[in-house]
Every structure is written in structure tokens, then in C-alpha cells.
Protein backbone atom coordinates (compact mmCIF):
# COMPACT_ATOMS: atom_id res chain seq x y z
CA UNK A 1 -38.63 -45.01 10.09
CA UNK A 2 -35.51 -46.61 11.56
CA UNK A 3 -35.46 -44.56 14.74
CA UNK A 4 -37.77 -42.83 17.19
CA UNK A 5 -37.91 -39.75 19.37
CA UNK A 6 -38.38 -40.03 23.13
CA UNK A 7 -39.41 -36.66 24.50
CA UNK A 8 -39.40 -36.95 28.29
CA UNK A 9 -41.13 -33.62 28.68
CA UNK A 10 -41.16 -32.08 32.11
CA UNK A 11 -39.01 -34.13 34.42
CA UNK A 12 -39.84 -31.81 37.33
CA UNK A 13 -37.97 -31.76 40.65
CA UNK A 14 -39.66 -30.03 43.56
CA UNK A 15 -37.20 -29.71 46.47
CA UNK A 16 -39.38 -27.26 48.42
CA UNK A 17 -42.63 -29.32 48.37
CA UNK A 18 -43.28 -32.70 49.95
CA UNK A 19 -46.44 -33.49 47.96
CA UNK A 20 -47.43 -33.44 44.32
CA UNK A 21 -47.95 -29.85 43.14
CA UNK A 22 -48.73 -30.17 39.43
CA UNK A 23 -51.88 -32.15 38.66
CA UNK A 24 -51.67 -33.28 35.04
CA UNK A 25 -54.82 -34.23 33.12
CA UNK A 26 -53.22 -36.60 30.65
CA UNK A 27 -56.57 -38.09 29.59
CA UNK A 28 -57.30 -34.75 27.91
CA UNK A 29 -53.87 -34.28 26.30
CA UNK A 30 -53.88 -33.37 22.61
CA UNK A 31 -51.00 -34.17 20.24
CA UNK A 32 -51.09 -33.32 16.55
CA UNK A 33 -48.58 -33.69 13.75
CA UNK A 34 -46.84 -36.31 11.60
CA UNK A 35 -45.68 -39.15 13.84
CA UNK A 36 -47.52 -37.52 16.72
CA UNK A 37 -50.83 -39.35 17.22
CA UNK A 38 -51.88 -39.96 20.80
CA UNK A 39 -51.96 -43.63 21.82
CA UNK A 40 -50.75 -44.63 18.35
CA UNK A 41 -47.19 -43.31 18.10
CA UNK A 42 -47.20 -40.79 20.99
CA UNK A 43 -47.81 -41.86 24.60
CA UNK A 44 -48.27 -39.58 27.61
CA UNK A 45 -47.45 -40.79 31.15
CA UNK A 46 -46.92 -39.18 34.56
CA UNK A 47 -45.10 -40.00 37.77
CA UNK A 48 -46.07 -37.48 40.44
CA UNK A 49 -45.14 -34.07 39.06
CA UNK A 50 -43.12 -35.62 36.21
CA UNK A 51 -44.60 -35.82 32.74
CA UNK A 52 -43.18 -37.75 29.79
CA UNK A 53 -44.22 -38.16 26.18
CA UNK A 54 -42.82 -41.08 24.19
CA UNK A 55 -42.81 -40.74 20.40
CA UNK A 56 -42.14 -43.77 18.23
CA UNK A 57 -42.42 -42.19 14.75
CA UNK A 58 -41.30 -38.58 15.11
CA UNK A 59 -37.93 -37.91 13.55
CA UNK A 60 -35.76 -36.78 10.66
CA UNK A 61 -33.79 -39.16 8.44
CA UNK A 62 -31.82 -37.62 5.55
CA UNK A 63 -29.54 -40.56 4.87
CA UNK A 64 -27.18 -40.64 1.89
CA UNK A 65 -29.34 -42.26 -0.76
CA UNK A 66 -30.63 -41.13 -4.12
CA UNK A 67 -34.21 -41.79 -3.01
CA UNK A 68 -33.87 -39.68 0.14
CA UNK A 69 -34.85 -35.97 -0.01
CA UNK A 70 -32.29 -33.23 0.59
CA UNK A 71 -34.50 -31.37 3.07
CA UNK A 72 -36.87 -32.48 5.77
CA UNK A 73 -39.11 -31.15 8.52
CA UNK A 74 -41.38 -32.74 11.09
CA UNK A 75 -43.28 -31.33 14.03
CA UNK A 76 -45.61 -32.01 16.93
CA UNK A 77 -48.15 -29.68 18.56
CA UNK A 78 -48.73 -30.47 22.23
CA UNK A 79 -51.46 -29.36 24.64
CA UNK A 80 -51.68 -30.87 28.12
CA UNK A 81 -54.09 -29.49 30.74
CA UNK A 82 -52.83 -29.11 34.29
CA UNK A 83 -53.75 -27.57 37.63
CA UNK A 84 -51.29 -25.66 39.83
CA UNK A 85 -52.34 -23.93 43.04
CA UNK A 86 -52.07 -20.17 43.27
CA UNK A 87 -49.22 -18.78 45.37
CA UNK A 88 -46.66 -21.00 43.60
CA UNK A 89 -44.28 -20.08 40.78
CA UNK A 90 -41.50 -21.74 38.83
CA UNK A 91 -38.28 -20.19 40.07
CA UNK A 92 -36.05 -22.12 37.66
CA UNK A 93 -36.60 -23.86 34.36
CA UNK A 94 -34.11 -26.15 32.63
CA UNK A 95 -34.76 -27.21 29.05
CA UNK A 96 -32.50 -30.10 28.09
CA UNK A 97 -32.09 -32.17 24.95
CA UNK A 98 -30.23 -35.47 24.88
CA UNK A 99 -29.58 -36.55 21.33
CA UNK A 100 -27.13 -38.10 18.90
CA UNK A 101 -26.02 -37.10 15.42
CA UNK A 102 -24.62 -38.83 12.38
CA UNK A 103 -23.89 -36.31 9.63
CA UNK A 104 -21.49 -35.37 6.88
CA UNK A 105 -19.93 -31.91 6.61
CA UNK A 106 -22.37 -30.51 4.06
CA UNK A 107 -25.54 -30.91 6.11
CA UNK A 108 -27.15 -29.14 9.07
CA UNK A 109 -30.17 -29.43 11.32
CA UNK A 110 -32.08 -27.93 14.24
CA UNK A 111 -34.45 -29.04 16.95
CA UNK A 112 -36.60 -26.16 18.21
CA UNK A 113 -39.20 -25.73 20.92
CA UNK A 114 -41.64 -22.86 21.39
CA UNK A 115 -43.82 -23.27 24.45
CA UNK A 116 -46.13 -21.62 26.98
CA UNK A 117 -47.13 -22.70 30.47
CA UNK A 118 -50.50 -21.34 31.63
CA UNK A 119 -50.14 -18.68 28.94
CA UNK A 120 -46.73 -17.51 30.15
CA UNK A 121 -44.04 -17.82 27.44
CA UNK A 122 -41.12 -20.16 28.08
CA UNK A 123 -37.79 -19.02 26.60
CA UNK A 124 -37.34 -20.27 23.01
CA UNK A 125 -34.86 -23.12 22.82
CA UNK A 126 -32.96 -24.19 19.71
CA UNK A 127 -30.40 -26.97 19.35
CA UNK A 128 -28.23 -26.51 16.25
CA UNK A 129 -26.41 -29.22 14.32
CA UNK A 130 -23.84 -27.09 12.47
CA UNK A 131 -22.95 -27.10 8.78
CA UNK A 132 -19.31 -27.70 7.89
CA UNK A 133 -18.60 -30.32 10.55
CA UNK A 134 -18.54 -34.13 10.39
CA UNK A 135 -20.27 -35.61 13.46
CA UNK A 136 -20.71 -39.21 14.54
CA UNK A 137 -21.67 -39.01 18.21
CA UNK A 138 -24.44 -41.19 19.70
CA UNK A 139 -24.83 -39.18 22.91
CA UNK A 140 -24.85 -35.38 23.15
CA UNK A 141 -26.49 -33.19 25.82
CA UNK A 142 -27.53 -29.56 25.43
CA UNK A 143 -29.41 -27.44 27.98
CA UNK A 144 -30.78 -23.99 28.62
CA UNK A 145 -31.25 -22.71 32.20
CA UNK A 146 -33.56 -19.80 33.06
CA UNK A 147 -33.84 -18.41 36.60
CA UNK A 148 -36.55 -15.97 37.61
CA UNK A 149 -35.89 -13.53 40.46
CA UNK A 150 -38.28 -11.44 42.59
CA UNK A 151 -38.69 -8.65 40.00
CA UNK A 152 -39.07 -10.83 36.92
CA UNK A 153 -42.17 -10.64 34.73
CA UNK A 154 -42.38 -14.44 34.93
CA UNK A 155 -42.74 -14.43 38.75
CA UNK A 156 -45.13 -11.47 38.71
CA UNK A 157 -47.36 -13.29 36.26
CA UNK A 158 -47.40 -16.58 38.15
CA UNK A 159 -47.93 -14.85 41.49
CA UNK A 160 -50.95 -12.72 40.55
CA UNK A 161 -53.69 -13.26 43.12
CA UNK A 162 -56.27 -13.89 40.40
CA UNK A 163 -54.19 -16.43 38.45
CA UNK A 164 -56.30 -19.35 37.32
CA UNK A 165 -55.47 -22.67 38.97
CA UNK A 166 -56.19 -24.52 35.73
CA UNK A 167 -54.26 -24.02 32.50
CA UNK A 168 -52.24 -25.83 29.84
CA UNK A 169 -48.70 -26.66 28.88
CA UNK A 170 -48.55 -25.89 25.15
CA UNK A 171 -45.53 -26.58 22.95
CA UNK A 172 -44.49 -26.91 19.34
CA UNK A 173 -41.53 -29.19 18.64
CA UNK A 174 -39.89 -28.94 15.22
CA UNK A 175 -37.06 -31.04 13.81
CA UNK A 176 -35.65 -29.73 10.52
CA UNK A 177 -32.57 -30.30 8.39
CA UNK A 178 -30.97 -30.09 4.99
CA UNK A 179 -28.05 -31.46 3.01
CA UNK A 180 -26.29 -30.32 -0.16
CA UNK A 181 -26.78 -33.49 -2.19
CA UNK A 182 -27.61 -37.20 -2.20
CA UNK A 183 -24.09 -38.15 -1.10
CA UNK A 184 -24.54 -36.24 2.19
CA UNK A 185 -26.49 -37.41 5.23
CA UNK A 186 -28.08 -36.15 8.46
CA UNK A 187 -29.72 -38.36 11.07
CA UNK A 188 -30.52 -37.32 14.67
CA UNK A 189 -30.89 -40.02 17.34
CA UNK A 190 -29.60 -41.36 20.65
CA UNK A 191 -27.85 -44.71 20.45
CA UNK A 192 -29.65 -45.28 17.17
CA UNK A 193 -33.07 -45.07 18.81
CA UNK A 194 -34.19 -41.98 20.72
CA UNK A 195 -34.04 -38.25 21.15
CA UNK A 196 -35.11 -36.86 24.52
CA UNK A 197 -36.40 -33.40 25.43
CA UNK A 198 -36.79 -32.52 29.10
CA UNK A 199 -38.14 -29.52 30.95
CA UNK A 200 -37.18 -29.47 34.63
CA UNK A 201 -38.69 -26.93 37.04
CA UNK A 202 -37.97 -25.95 40.63
CA UNK A 203 -41.05 -24.46 42.28
CA UNK A 204 -41.21 -21.97 45.14
CA UNK A 205 -43.74 -20.05 47.19
CA UNK A 206 -44.62 -16.61 45.85
CA UNK A 207 -44.12 -15.02 49.26
CA UNK A 208 -40.52 -16.13 49.73
CA UNK A 209 -37.30 -17.25 48.08
CA UNK A 210 -35.79 -20.72 48.01
């Protein structure tokens, strides 16, 4: 494939903590799907509380060519064990996608994520590449911001006294698209190479506000 996807999952900023809070167990990470084989075309790395996954063969290419299909779909299932001390919750989550698009008017696409952290559902996030519009932009940014206040179910779940310290980040990433005929095209990339998904979290103590 002529391009790759770089999914910098979980670029996490922790302004209220001086030391590492999330302890990732990347040796036990599981990645399954086309173009999503650990240590072959998907590579997991960490830097403190930050986690990134680099994909080299995960993507969608519906170029204008008679041998190219008119629809396409690819996906990756992700499971990464982690340990987070009790008494801490994620007060804010930002899901961000940096991507590029080359497409004709009669094509459309989506990039979707469905994920859970320690069993708690993260808000669904979909990035839409709309039908009816010509796009040739190598650098686009889309983001979703969720904030969780004192009475939120999210905080109540994270702050339960019996919450397990060990859990998993689990996600399904899906890239899908379609075009009306062989003369149309749809390719998602960044500068011809990468697509990046990030999840940024600000953590806080359960007993107080930031």
C-alpha cells in the first residue's frame, strides 16, 4: 500500500501529577486485524504516561482505477494492559485525529473509534469525509473533547473504592469508504504518508477538583 497510518494513541498530559501515573504493559499488548500485526506492521511504544502505536500497513486506498474496488474497509482491534492507582480519575479526554484527504465529489469515508478504558466506555468518535465535496487537503485536524464533572457516571465509576488497579485500554479502529464508480477516488493520509489518532487525558484526584 502506498501510505500508512500512524495512530499516536494516548498522548496523555498530566498537569496535576509529577510522576508517571499510568503504567503500560506494552509487552502484553494485543493487536489484531488486516495491517495490524504486532511487531510486523504495528509497533507499540511508550514515553512515561504517553502511548503510541505506529501502523505501517493500515489504511484505505480507493484510487481512480478500473482495478480498484468501489468500497473498502479495514480495522484494528487493540488491547493494552495498564495499571492506574485507585483514587485517580480522568477528568478530561480529548480524542483527536490528524489526517489528510484526496477525494472526488462522488465518494465518502469515515474513521471510527469505539473504545473502553478499564471497562468504562469512552465516547464514540467518528470522523466523516463527506459525499458531494471535492477535497485535496494534506493536513486536517478533528477533535472531540469530553469533560467529566463531580456527578458524572464516568467519575463515579473511576472513583469507586473497590476499582481494580489493573485493567485494559480496548479499542476498535475502523476506516471505511465508498465511491460511485471507477473514475472516482478516495484516499486518506497525512502528507501522503500517515494518519494519526490521539487520546489525551488530564487526570485528577477523586477527592478534589483540578
